Amino acid sequence: MKRKLVSIVGFFTLLLAISIIIYSVWPWLFLYIGVKTQPNPPHPAITYGEFPFRLEYEINGRRMVINDTLICEYDGVGVDEGQGKYRKWKQRLASGKERVTLLKVDDTTEIYYNPGSPRYYMGDLGESVYFKHNFPDASIIKKDGRFTTDSVIRADLLQKEYNIRLIRWDYTQPIKNSFS
């Protein structure tokens, strides 16, 4: 009797474990299969672009100018559960710098200007999507041990807290790209 009870408990434990696995894995498996079977997005006709820009700003009453070039390159096809398959783009600055840094406050905080997305410059946002540069707002990145936050800092707060004012943003317009 005891042996029969043990095997019944074992059977139901196994059944419960299988049910939990199916319940938690099944949706992700369907999502994975669905995304993987989607066709790849069309390849861009233009896969490389250079976009010179000039940012003029004032920090503590002193005028500064940053001249650089945003370099954008096609980086293949990416996949995620939100948008399925999509064209990936990578970007870098010709200067070799990581960001368009306005002020490094300390080891944990940096104020920078985000020149925009490579999708925007390479003509991959489509006709219906509107893109707006953040000018005269900037961005702030804060590192707190394990976490990094990256957010927009409005122009009034930028002026008030860091004595920075963005004056002028001249950039190269995006290209007209085609995809086939």
N, C-alpha and C. Protein backbone atom coordinates (compact mmCIF):
# COMPACT_ATOMS: atom_id res chain seq x y z
N MET A 1 0.81 -1.19 0.00
CA MET A 1 0.00 0.00 0.00
C MET A 1 0.86 1.27 0.00
N LYS A 2 1.90 1.24 0.87
CA LYS A 2 2.80 2.39 0.97
C LYS A 2 3.52 2.62 -0.37
N ARG A 3 3.89 1.52 -0.99
CA ARG A 3 4.60 1.60 -2.27
C ARG A 3 3.69 2.20 -3.35
N LYS A 4 2.42 1.82 -3.35
CA LYS A 4 1.45 2.32 -4.30
C LYS A 4 1.21 3.82 -4.08
N LEU A 5 1.16 4.24 -2.82
CA LEU A 5 0.98 5.65 -2.47
C LEU A 5 2.17 6.48 -2.94
N VAL A 6 3.38 5.94 -2.75
CA VAL A 6 4.59 6.63 -3.19
C VAL A 6 4.58 6.80 -4.71
N SER A 7 4.18 5.77 -5.45
CA SER A 7 4.18 5.89 -6.90
C SER A 7 3.07 6.82 -7.38
N ILE A 8 1.94 6.89 -6.69
CA ILE A 8 0.88 7.84 -7.06
C ILE A 8 1.36 9.27 -6.81
N VAL A 9 1.99 9.52 -5.67
CA VAL A 9 2.53 10.85 -5.35
C VAL A 9 3.61 11.23 -6.37
N GLY A 10 4.46 10.27 -6.70
CA GLY A 10 5.51 10.52 -7.69
C GLY A 10 4.93 10.86 -9.05
N PHE A 11 3.88 10.13 -9.44
CA PHE A 11 3.22 10.38 -10.72
C PHE A 11 2.63 11.79 -10.76
N PHE A 12 1.92 12.18 -9.71
CA PHE A 12 1.31 13.51 -9.68
C PHE A 12 2.37 14.62 -9.59
N THR A 13 3.47 14.36 -8.90
CA THR A 13 4.57 15.33 -8.85
C THR A 13 5.17 15.51 -10.24
N LEU A 14 5.37 14.42 -10.94
CA LEU A 14 5.89 14.48 -12.30
C LEU A 14 4.91 15.20 -13.22
N LEU A 15 3.63 14.88 -13.09
CA LEU A 15 2.59 15.53 -13.88
C LEU A 15 2.56 17.04 -13.60
N LEU A 16 2.68 17.42 -12.34
CA LEU A 16 2.71 18.84 -11.96
C LEU A 16 3.94 19.53 -12.55
N ALA A 17 5.09 18.89 -12.47
CA ALA A 17 6.32 19.47 -13.02
C ALA A 17 6.19 19.67 -14.54
N ILE A 18 5.67 18.67 -15.23
CA ILE A 18 5.48 18.77 -16.68
C ILE A 18 4.50 19.89 -17.01
N SER A 19 3.43 20.00 -16.24
CA SER A 19 2.43 21.05 -16.46
C SER A 19 3.04 22.44 -16.28
N ILE A 20 3.84 22.60 -15.24
CA ILE A 20 4.49 23.90 -15.00
C ILE A 20 5.44 24.23 -16.14
N ILE A 21 6.21 23.26 -16.57
CA ILE A 21 7.15 23.49 -17.68
C ILE A 21 6.39 23.86 -18.95
N ILE A 22 5.36 23.11 -19.27
CA ILE A 22 4.58 23.40 -20.48
C ILE A 22 3.94 24.78 -20.37
N TYR A 23 3.36 25.08 -19.22
CA TYR A 23 2.70 26.37 -19.01
C TYR A 23 3.67 27.54 -19.16
N SER A 24 4.89 27.39 -18.66
CA SER A 24 5.84 28.51 -18.72
C SER A 24 6.65 28.54 -20.01
N VAL A 25 6.92 27.40 -20.62
CA VAL A 25 7.76 27.35 -21.81
C VAL A 25 6.95 27.47 -23.10
N TRP A 26 5.76 26.90 -23.11
CA TRP A 26 4.95 26.83 -24.33
C TRP A 26 4.75 28.19 -25.01
N PRO A 27 4.33 29.25 -24.29
CA PRO A 27 4.15 30.54 -24.97
C PRO A 27 5.44 31.07 -25.60
N TRP A 28 6.54 30.90 -24.87
CA TRP A 28 7.82 31.37 -25.40
C TRP A 28 8.26 30.56 -26.61
N LEU A 29 7.98 29.28 -26.60
CA LEU A 29 8.31 28.42 -27.73
C LEU A 29 7.51 28.83 -28.96
N PHE A 30 6.20 29.09 -28.79
CA PHE A 30 5.38 29.56 -29.90
C PHE A 30 5.88 30.91 -30.42
N LEU A 31 6.23 31.80 -29.51
CA LEU A 31 6.75 33.11 -29.90
C LEU A 31 8.05 32.96 -30.68
N TYR A 32 8.95 32.13 -30.19
CA TYR A 32 10.23 31.89 -30.85
C TYR A 32 10.01 31.32 -32.26
N ILE A 33 9.16 30.33 -32.36
CA ILE A 33 8.90 29.72 -33.67
C ILE A 33 8.26 30.74 -34.61
N GLY A 34 7.31 31.51 -34.09
CA GLY A 34 6.65 32.53 -34.91
C GLY A 34 7.61 33.58 -35.44
N VAL A 35 8.49 34.06 -34.59
CA VAL A 35 9.44 35.09 -35.01
C VAL A 35 10.47 34.50 -35.98
N LYS A 36 10.96 33.31 -35.67
CA LYS A 36 11.98 32.69 -36.54
C LYS A 36 11.45 32.38 -37.94
N THR A 37 10.15 32.12 -38.06
CA THR A 37 9.59 31.78 -39.38
C THR A 37 9.19 33.02 -40.18
N GLN A 38 9.26 34.20 -39.56
CA GLN A 38 8.99 35.44 -40.30
C GLN A 38 10.06 35.63 -41.37
N PRO A 39 9.71 36.26 -42.48
CA PRO A 39 10.75 36.57 -43.47
C PRO A 39 11.66 37.69 -42.94
N ASN A 40 12.88 37.71 -43.40
CA ASN A 40 13.80 38.79 -43.03
C ASN A 40 13.32 40.09 -43.65
N PRO A 41 13.57 41.22 -42.97
CA PRO A 41 13.20 42.50 -43.59
C PRO A 41 14.07 42.75 -44.81
N PRO A 42 13.58 43.54 -45.76
CA PRO A 42 14.37 43.82 -46.96
C PRO A 42 15.71 44.48 -46.62
N HIS A 43 16.71 44.18 -47.42
CA HIS A 43 18.07 44.71 -47.24
C HIS A 43 18.11 46.17 -47.70
N PRO A 44 18.81 47.04 -46.97
CA PRO A 44 18.90 48.44 -47.39
C PRO A 44 19.80 48.61 -48.63
N ALA A 45 19.43 49.54 -49.51
CA ALA A 45 20.26 49.83 -50.67
C ALA A 45 21.55 50.53 -50.22
N ILE A 46 21.43 51.42 -49.24
CA ILE A 46 22.59 52.15 -48.70
C ILE A 46 22.84 51.61 -47.30
N THR A 47 24.05 51.08 -47.09
CA THR A 47 24.36 50.43 -45.82
C THR A 47 25.34 51.21 -44.95
N TYR A 48 25.84 52.34 -45.46
CA TYR A 48 26.85 53.12 -44.72
C TYR A 48 26.60 54.60 -44.96
N GLY A 49 26.71 55.38 -43.90
CA GLY A 49 26.54 56.82 -44.05
C GLY A 49 27.33 57.59 -43.01
N GLU A 50 27.81 58.77 -43.40
CA GLU A 50 28.51 59.67 -42.49
C GLU A 50 27.73 60.97 -42.41
N PHE A 51 27.49 61.43 -41.19
CA PHE A 51 26.63 62.59 -40.96
C PHE A 51 27.33 63.60 -40.05
N PRO A 52 28.03 64.57 -40.65
CA PRO A 52 28.71 65.59 -39.84
C PRO A 52 27.69 66.43 -39.06
N PHE A 53 28.11 66.86 -37.89
CA PHE A 53 27.26 67.73 -37.08
C PHE A 53 28.11 68.72 -36.30
N ARG A 54 27.43 69.76 -35.83
CA ARG A 54 28.07 70.80 -35.02
C ARG A 54 27.12 71.15 -33.89
N LEU A 55 27.62 71.08 -32.67
CA LEU A 55 26.83 71.43 -31.50
C LEU A 55 27.51 72.59 -30.78
N GLU A 56 26.78 73.67 -30.63
CA GLU A 56 27.30 74.83 -29.92
C GLU A 56 26.54 74.94 -28.60
N TYR A 57 27.29 75.09 -27.52
CA TYR A 57 26.65 75.19 -26.21
C TYR A 57 27.48 76.10 -25.30
N GLU A 58 26.87 76.43 -24.18
CA GLU A 58 27.52 77.31 -23.22
C GLU A 58 27.52 76.59 -21.87
N ILE A 59 28.66 76.58 -21.23
CA ILE A 59 28.78 75.97 -19.91
C ILE A 59 29.49 76.96 -19.00
N ASN A 60 28.82 77.33 -17.92
CA ASN A 60 29.34 78.34 -16.99
C ASN A 60 29.74 79.63 -17.70
N GLY A 61 28.95 80.04 -18.68
CA GLY A 61 29.21 81.28 -19.41
C GLY A 61 30.26 81.17 -20.50
N ARG A 62 30.89 80.02 -20.64
CA ARG A 62 31.93 79.83 -21.66
C ARG A 62 31.36 79.07 -22.85
N ARG A 63 31.53 79.63 -24.04
CA ARG A 63 31.00 79.01 -25.25
C ARG A 63 31.90 77.88 -25.73
N MET A 64 31.26 76.76 -26.08
CA MET A 64 31.98 75.57 -26.54
C MET A 64 31.35 75.09 -27.84
N VAL A 65 32.17 74.42 -28.66
CA VAL A 65 31.68 73.86 -29.92
C VAL A 65 32.22 72.44 -30.06
N ILE A 66 31.34 71.54 -30.45
CA ILE A 66 31.74 70.17 -30.76
C ILE A 66 31.42 69.93 -32.23
N ASN A 67 32.44 69.60 -33.00
CA ASN A 67 32.29 69.19 -34.40
C ASN A 67 32.68 67.72 -34.47
N ASP A 68 31.81 66.91 -35.03
CA ASP A 68 32.11 65.49 -35.14
C ASP A 68 31.27 64.93 -36.27
N THR A 69 31.40 63.64 -36.49
CA THR A 69 30.63 62.97 -37.53
C THR A 69 30.06 61.68 -36.96
N LEU A 70 28.76 61.51 -37.14
CA LEU A 70 28.10 60.28 -36.74
C LEU A 70 28.20 59.31 -37.92
N ILE A 71 28.76 58.13 -37.67
CA ILE A 71 28.92 57.11 -38.70
C ILE A 71 27.91 56.00 -38.41
N CYS A 72 27.09 55.68 -39.40
CA CYS A 72 26.05 54.66 -39.25
C CYS A 72 26.31 53.53 -40.25
N GLU A 73 26.17 52.28 -39.78
CA GLU A 73 26.39 51.12 -40.64
C GLU A 73 25.31 50.06 -40.40
N TYR A 74 24.92 49.42 -41.48
CA TYR A 74 23.98 48.30 -41.40
C TYR A 74 24.66 47.15 -40.66
N ASP A 75 23.91 46.51 -39.74
CA ASP A 75 24.50 45.47 -38.90
C ASP A 75 23.70 44.17 -38.95
N GLY A 76 22.99 43.93 -40.05
CA GLY A 76 22.27 42.66 -40.20
C GLY A 76 20.85 42.71 -39.68
N VAL A 77 20.34 41.55 -39.35
CA VAL A 77 18.95 41.42 -38.91
C VAL A 77 18.93 41.09 -37.43
N GLY A 78 18.10 41.82 -36.69
CA GLY A 78 17.91 41.56 -35.28
C GLY A 78 16.54 40.94 -35.06
N VAL A 79 16.35 40.33 -33.90
CA VAL A 79 15.09 39.68 -33.58
C VAL A 79 14.73 40.01 -32.13
N ASP A 80 13.48 40.40 -31.91
CA ASP A 80 12.97 40.49 -30.56
C ASP A 80 11.47 40.26 -30.56
N GLU A 81 10.94 39.96 -29.39
CA GLU A 81 9.53 39.58 -29.31
C GLU A 81 8.59 40.75 -29.52
N GLY A 82 9.06 41.97 -29.39
CA GLY A 82 8.21 43.14 -29.56
C GLY A 82 7.97 43.51 -31.02
N GLN A 83 9.02 43.44 -31.82
CA GLN A 83 8.89 43.86 -33.22
C GLN A 83 9.25 42.78 -34.22
N GLY A 84 9.57 41.59 -33.75
CA GLY A 84 9.91 40.51 -34.67
C GLY A 84 11.30 40.74 -35.25
N LYS A 85 11.43 40.51 -36.55
CA LYS A 85 12.72 40.73 -37.21
C LYS A 85 12.79 42.18 -37.69
N TYR A 86 13.95 42.76 -37.56
CA TYR A 86 14.15 44.16 -37.93
C TYR A 86 15.58 44.38 -38.41
N ARG A 87 15.79 45.47 -39.13
CA ARG A 87 17.14 45.83 -39.57
C ARG A 87 17.89 46.44 -38.40
N LYS A 88 19.09 45.94 -38.12
CA LYS A 88 19.92 46.49 -37.05
C LYS A 88 20.92 47.48 -37.65
N TRP A 89 21.16 48.54 -36.92
CA TRP A 89 22.14 49.54 -37.32
C TRP A 89 23.07 49.79 -36.15
N LYS A 90 24.32 50.04 -36.45
CA LYS A 90 25.24 50.45 -35.38
C LYS A 90 25.73 51.85 -35.70
N GLN A 91 26.14 52.55 -34.66
CA GLN A 91 26.63 53.91 -34.86
C GLN A 91 27.86 54.13 -34.01
N ARG A 92 28.68 55.06 -34.46
CA ARG A 92 29.87 55.46 -33.72
C ARG A 92 30.22 56.87 -34.13
N LEU A 93 31.04 57.51 -33.35
CA LEU A 93 31.50 58.86 -33.68
C LEU A 93 32.87 58.77 -34.34
N ALA A 94 33.10 59.59 -35.35
CA ALA A 94 34.39 59.59 -36.04
C ALA A 94 35.54 59.95 -35.09
N SER A 95 35.24 60.73 -34.07
CA SER A 95 36.26 61.13 -33.10
C SER A 95 36.74 59.96 -32.24
N GLY A 96 35.97 58.87 -32.24
CA GLY A 96 36.31 57.73 -31.41
C GLY A 96 35.71 57.82 -30.01
N LYS A 97 35.10 58.94 -29.70
CA LYS A 97 34.47 59.09 -28.39
C LYS A 97 33.21 58.25 -28.33
N GLU A 98 32.83 57.89 -27.11
CA GLU A 98 31.64 57.06 -26.93
C GLU A 98 30.36 57.87 -27.08
N ARG A 99 30.37 59.12 -26.59
CA ARG A 99 29.20 60.00 -26.61
C ARG A 99 29.64 61.43 -26.90
N VAL A 100 28.65 62.28 -27.20
CA VAL A 100 28.88 63.72 -27.38
C VAL A 100 28.77 64.33 -25.98
N THR A 101 29.83 64.20 -25.21
CA THR A 101 29.83 64.61 -23.81
C THR A 101 29.91 66.12 -23.66
N LEU A 102 28.99 66.66 -22.86
CA LEU A 102 28.99 68.08 -22.53
C LEU A 102 29.70 68.32 -21.21
N LEU A 103 29.46 67.44 -20.23
CA LEU A 103 30.06 67.60 -18.91
C LEU A 103 30.10 66.25 -18.20
N LYS A 104 31.28 65.90 -17.72
CA LYS A 104 31.41 64.72 -16.87
C LYS A 104 31.38 65.25 -15.44
N VAL A 105 30.24 65.11 -14.79
CA VAL A 105 30.02 65.66 -13.46
C VAL A 105 30.93 64.98 -12.44
N ASP A 106 30.92 63.65 -12.45
CA ASP A 106 31.79 62.85 -11.58
C ASP A 106 31.86 61.44 -12.19
N ASP A 107 32.36 60.49 -11.42
CA ASP A 107 32.51 59.13 -11.95
C ASP A 107 31.18 58.43 -12.21
N THR A 108 30.08 58.96 -11.66
CA THR A 108 28.79 58.29 -11.81
C THR A 108 27.81 59.04 -12.71
N THR A 109 28.09 60.30 -13.03
CA THR A 109 27.13 61.13 -13.76
C THR A 109 27.79 61.85 -14.94
N GLU A 110 27.11 61.78 -16.09
CA GLU A 110 27.62 62.45 -17.30
C GLU A 110 26.45 63.07 -18.05
N ILE A 111 26.64 64.31 -18.51
CA ILE A 111 25.66 65.01 -19.34
C ILE A 111 26.17 64.93 -20.77
N TYR A 112 25.28 64.53 -21.69
CA TYR A 112 25.69 64.41 -23.09
C TYR A 112 24.53 64.78 -24.01
N TYR A 113 24.85 64.97 -25.28
CA TYR A 113 23.82 65.23 -26.27
C TYR A 113 23.71 64.00 -27.16
N ASN A 114 22.49 63.53 -27.36
CA ASN A 114 22.24 62.37 -28.22
C ASN A 114 21.94 62.88 -29.63
N PRO A 115 22.82 62.60 -30.60
CA PRO A 115 22.61 63.12 -31.95
C PRO A 115 21.45 62.47 -32.70
N GLY A 116 20.96 61.33 -32.21
CA GLY A 116 19.83 60.67 -32.88
C GLY A 116 20.15 59.23 -33.23
N SER A 117 19.14 58.55 -33.67
CA SER A 117 19.22 57.13 -33.96
C SER A 117 19.78 56.88 -35.36
N PRO A 118 20.56 55.80 -35.53
CA PRO A 118 21.03 55.46 -36.88
C PRO A 118 19.88 55.12 -37.82
N ARG A 119 18.79 54.59 -37.27
CA ARG A 119 17.60 54.30 -38.11
C ARG A 119 17.08 55.60 -38.74
N TYR A 120 17.10 56.68 -37.99
CA TYR A 120 16.66 57.98 -38.51
C TYR A 120 17.57 58.43 -39.65
N TYR A 121 18.86 58.46 -39.41
CA TYR A 121 19.80 58.96 -40.41
C TYR A 121 19.85 58.09 -41.67
N MET A 122 19.66 56.79 -41.50
CA MET A 122 19.74 55.87 -42.65
C MET A 122 18.40 55.67 -43.34
N GLY A 123 17.41 56.50 -43.01
CA GLY A 123 16.13 56.46 -43.71
C GLY A 123 15.32 55.22 -43.42
N ASP A 124 15.44 54.68 -42.21
CA ASP A 124 14.77 53.42 -41.88
C ASP A 124 13.65 53.60 -40.86
N LEU A 125 13.08 54.80 -40.77
CA LEU A 125 11.95 55.00 -39.87
C LEU A 125 10.62 54.95 -40.61
N GLY A 126 10.67 54.97 -41.91
CA GLY A 126 9.45 54.94 -42.70
C GLY A 126 8.84 56.32 -42.82
N GLU A 127 7.90 56.44 -43.72
CA GLU A 127 7.25 57.73 -44.00
C GLU A 127 6.34 58.19 -42.87
N SER A 128 5.71 57.25 -42.19
CA SER A 128 4.68 57.62 -41.22
C SER A 128 5.24 57.97 -39.84
N VAL A 129 6.53 57.71 -39.61
CA VAL A 129 7.10 57.96 -38.28
C VAL A 129 7.78 59.31 -38.26
N TYR A 130 7.41 60.12 -37.26
CA TYR A 130 8.00 61.44 -37.10
C TYR A 130 9.13 61.35 -36.08
N PHE A 131 10.26 61.96 -36.39
CA PHE A 131 11.39 61.97 -35.48
C PHE A 131 11.72 63.40 -35.10
N LYS A 132 11.99 63.63 -33.83
CA LYS A 132 12.33 64.96 -33.34
C LYS A 132 13.62 64.85 -32.53
N HIS A 133 14.60 65.69 -32.86
CA HIS A 133 15.81 65.74 -32.04
C HIS A 133 15.45 66.32 -30.68
N ASN A 134 16.24 66.00 -29.69
CA ASN A 134 15.98 66.48 -28.33
C ASN A 134 16.35 67.94 -28.12
N PHE A 135 17.03 68.56 -29.06
CA PHE A 135 17.49 69.94 -28.88
C PHE A 135 16.34 70.84 -28.47
N PRO A 136 16.45 71.67 -27.47
CA PRO A 136 17.63 72.04 -26.68
C PRO A 136 17.80 71.23 -25.40
N ASP A 137 17.13 70.09 -25.30
CA ASP A 137 17.32 69.21 -24.14
C ASP A 137 18.56 68.36 -24.37
N ALA A 138 19.08 67.79 -23.31
CA ALA A 138 20.24 66.90 -23.39
C ALA A 138 19.87 65.57 -22.75
N SER A 139 20.86 64.74 -22.52
CA SER A 139 20.64 63.46 -21.85
C SER A 139 21.59 63.36 -20.67
N ILE A 140 21.19 62.59 -19.69
CA ILE A 140 22.02 62.38 -18.51
C ILE A 140 22.10 60.89 -18.25
N ILE A 141 23.30 60.42 -17.96
CA ILE A 141 23.50 59.02 -17.64
C ILE A 141 24.06 58.97 -16.23
N LYS A 142 23.42 58.12 -15.40
CA LYS A 142 23.84 57.96 -14.01
C LYS A 142 24.10 56.49 -13.74
N LYS A 143 25.26 56.22 -13.14
CA LYS A 143 25.61 54.85 -12.78
C LYS A 143 25.55 54.74 -11.26
N ASP A 144 24.79 53.75 -10.79
CA ASP A 144 24.61 53.55 -9.36
C ASP A 144 24.90 52.10 -9.04
N GLY A 145 26.16 51.75 -8.91
CA GLY A 145 26.54 50.36 -8.63
C GLY A 145 26.20 49.46 -9.78
N ARG A 146 25.16 48.65 -9.62
CA ARG A 146 24.78 47.68 -10.65
C ARG A 146 23.91 48.28 -11.73
N PHE A 147 23.27 49.43 -11.47
CA PHE A 147 22.29 49.97 -12.40
C PHE A 147 22.80 51.23 -13.09
N THR A 148 22.40 51.39 -14.34
CA THR A 148 22.69 52.59 -15.11
C THR A 148 21.37 53.13 -15.63
N THR A 149 21.11 54.42 -15.40
CA THR A 149 19.91 55.05 -15.94
C THR A 149 20.33 56.09 -16.96
N ASP A 150 19.58 56.16 -18.02
CA ASP A 150 19.85 57.08 -19.11
C ASP A 150 18.53 57.77 -19.42
N SER A 151 18.49 59.09 -19.26
CA SER A 151 17.23 59.80 -19.46
C SER A 151 17.48 61.19 -20.03
N VAL A 152 16.41 61.81 -20.48
CA VAL A 152 16.47 63.17 -21.03
C VAL A 152 16.45 64.15 -19.86
N ILE A 153 17.26 65.19 -19.98
CA ILE A 153 17.22 66.27 -19.00
C ILE A 153 16.79 67.53 -19.75
N ARG A 154 15.68 68.11 -19.32
CA ARG A 154 15.10 69.26 -20.00
C ARG A 154 16.01 70.47 -19.91
N ALA A 155 15.90 71.36 -20.91
CA ALA A 155 16.77 72.52 -21.03
C ALA A 155 16.75 73.40 -19.78
N ASP A 156 15.57 73.63 -19.19
CA ASP A 156 15.50 74.49 -18.00
C ASP A 156 16.24 73.88 -16.81
N LEU A 157 16.12 72.57 -16.62
CA LEU A 157 16.83 71.89 -15.54
C LEU A 157 18.33 71.81 -15.84
N LEU A 158 18.68 71.64 -17.08
CA LEU A 158 20.08 71.62 -17.51
C LEU A 158 20.76 72.94 -17.16
N GLN A 159 20.06 74.04 -17.43
CA GLN A 159 20.57 75.38 -17.12
C GLN A 159 20.65 75.59 -15.60
N LYS A 160 19.59 75.22 -14.91
CA LYS A 160 19.49 75.48 -13.47
C LYS A 160 20.50 74.65 -12.66
N GLU A 161 20.59 73.35 -12.93
CA GLU A 161 21.41 72.46 -12.11
C GLU A 161 22.87 72.36 -12.56
N TYR A 162 23.13 72.49 -13.87
CA TYR A 162 24.48 72.27 -14.38
C TYR A 162 25.06 73.48 -15.10
N ASN A 163 24.29 74.56 -15.20
CA ASN A 163 24.71 75.79 -15.87
C ASN A 163 25.16 75.53 -17.31
N ILE A 164 24.38 74.69 -18.01
CA ILE A 164 24.65 74.36 -19.41
C ILE A 164 23.45 74.81 -20.23
N ARG A 165 23.75 75.47 -21.36
CA ARG A 165 22.69 75.90 -22.28
C ARG A 165 23.09 75.52 -23.69
N LEU A 166 22.25 74.72 -24.34
CA LEU A 166 22.51 74.36 -25.73
C LEU A 166 22.05 75.52 -26.61
N ILE A 167 22.94 75.97 -27.49
CA ILE A 167 22.68 77.16 -28.29
C ILE A 167 22.26 76.81 -29.71
N ARG A 168 23.01 75.91 -30.35
CA ARG A 168 22.73 75.62 -31.75
C ARG A 168 23.11 74.18 -32.08
N TRP A 169 22.25 73.52 -32.87
CA TRP A 169 22.47 72.14 -33.30
C TRP A 169 22.33 72.08 -34.81
N ASP A 170 23.44 71.94 -35.51
CA ASP A 170 23.45 71.81 -36.96
C ASP A 170 23.82 70.37 -37.30
N TYR A 171 22.98 69.71 -38.06
CA TYR A 171 23.22 68.31 -38.38
C TYR A 171 22.88 68.04 -39.83
N THR A 172 23.41 66.94 -40.34
CA THR A 172 23.15 66.50 -41.70
C THR A 172 21.80 65.80 -41.74
N GLN A 173 21.01 66.11 -42.74
CA GLN A 173 19.70 65.50 -42.89
C GLN A 173 19.84 64.01 -43.20
N PRO A 174 18.83 63.21 -42.86
CA PRO A 174 18.90 61.78 -43.15
C PRO A 174 18.87 61.51 -44.65
N ILE A 175 19.36 60.34 -45.02
CA ILE A 175 19.35 59.97 -46.43
C ILE A 175 17.98 59.41 -46.81
N LYS A 176 17.73 59.35 -48.10
CA LYS A 176 16.57 58.64 -48.63
C LYS A 176 17.08 57.26 -49.01
N ASN A 177 16.63 56.26 -48.30
CA ASN A 177 17.11 54.90 -48.53
C ASN A 177 15.97 54.08 -49.12
N SER A 178 16.32 53.02 -49.79
CA SER A 178 15.30 52.08 -50.29
C SER A 178 15.67 50.69 -49.80
N PHE A 179 14.68 49.83 -49.72
CA PHE A 179 14.89 48.51 -49.15
C PHE A 179 14.29 47.45 -50.07
N SER A 180 15.14 46.46 -50.42
CA SER A 180 14.65 45.40 -51.29
C SER A 180 15.25 44.05 -50.93
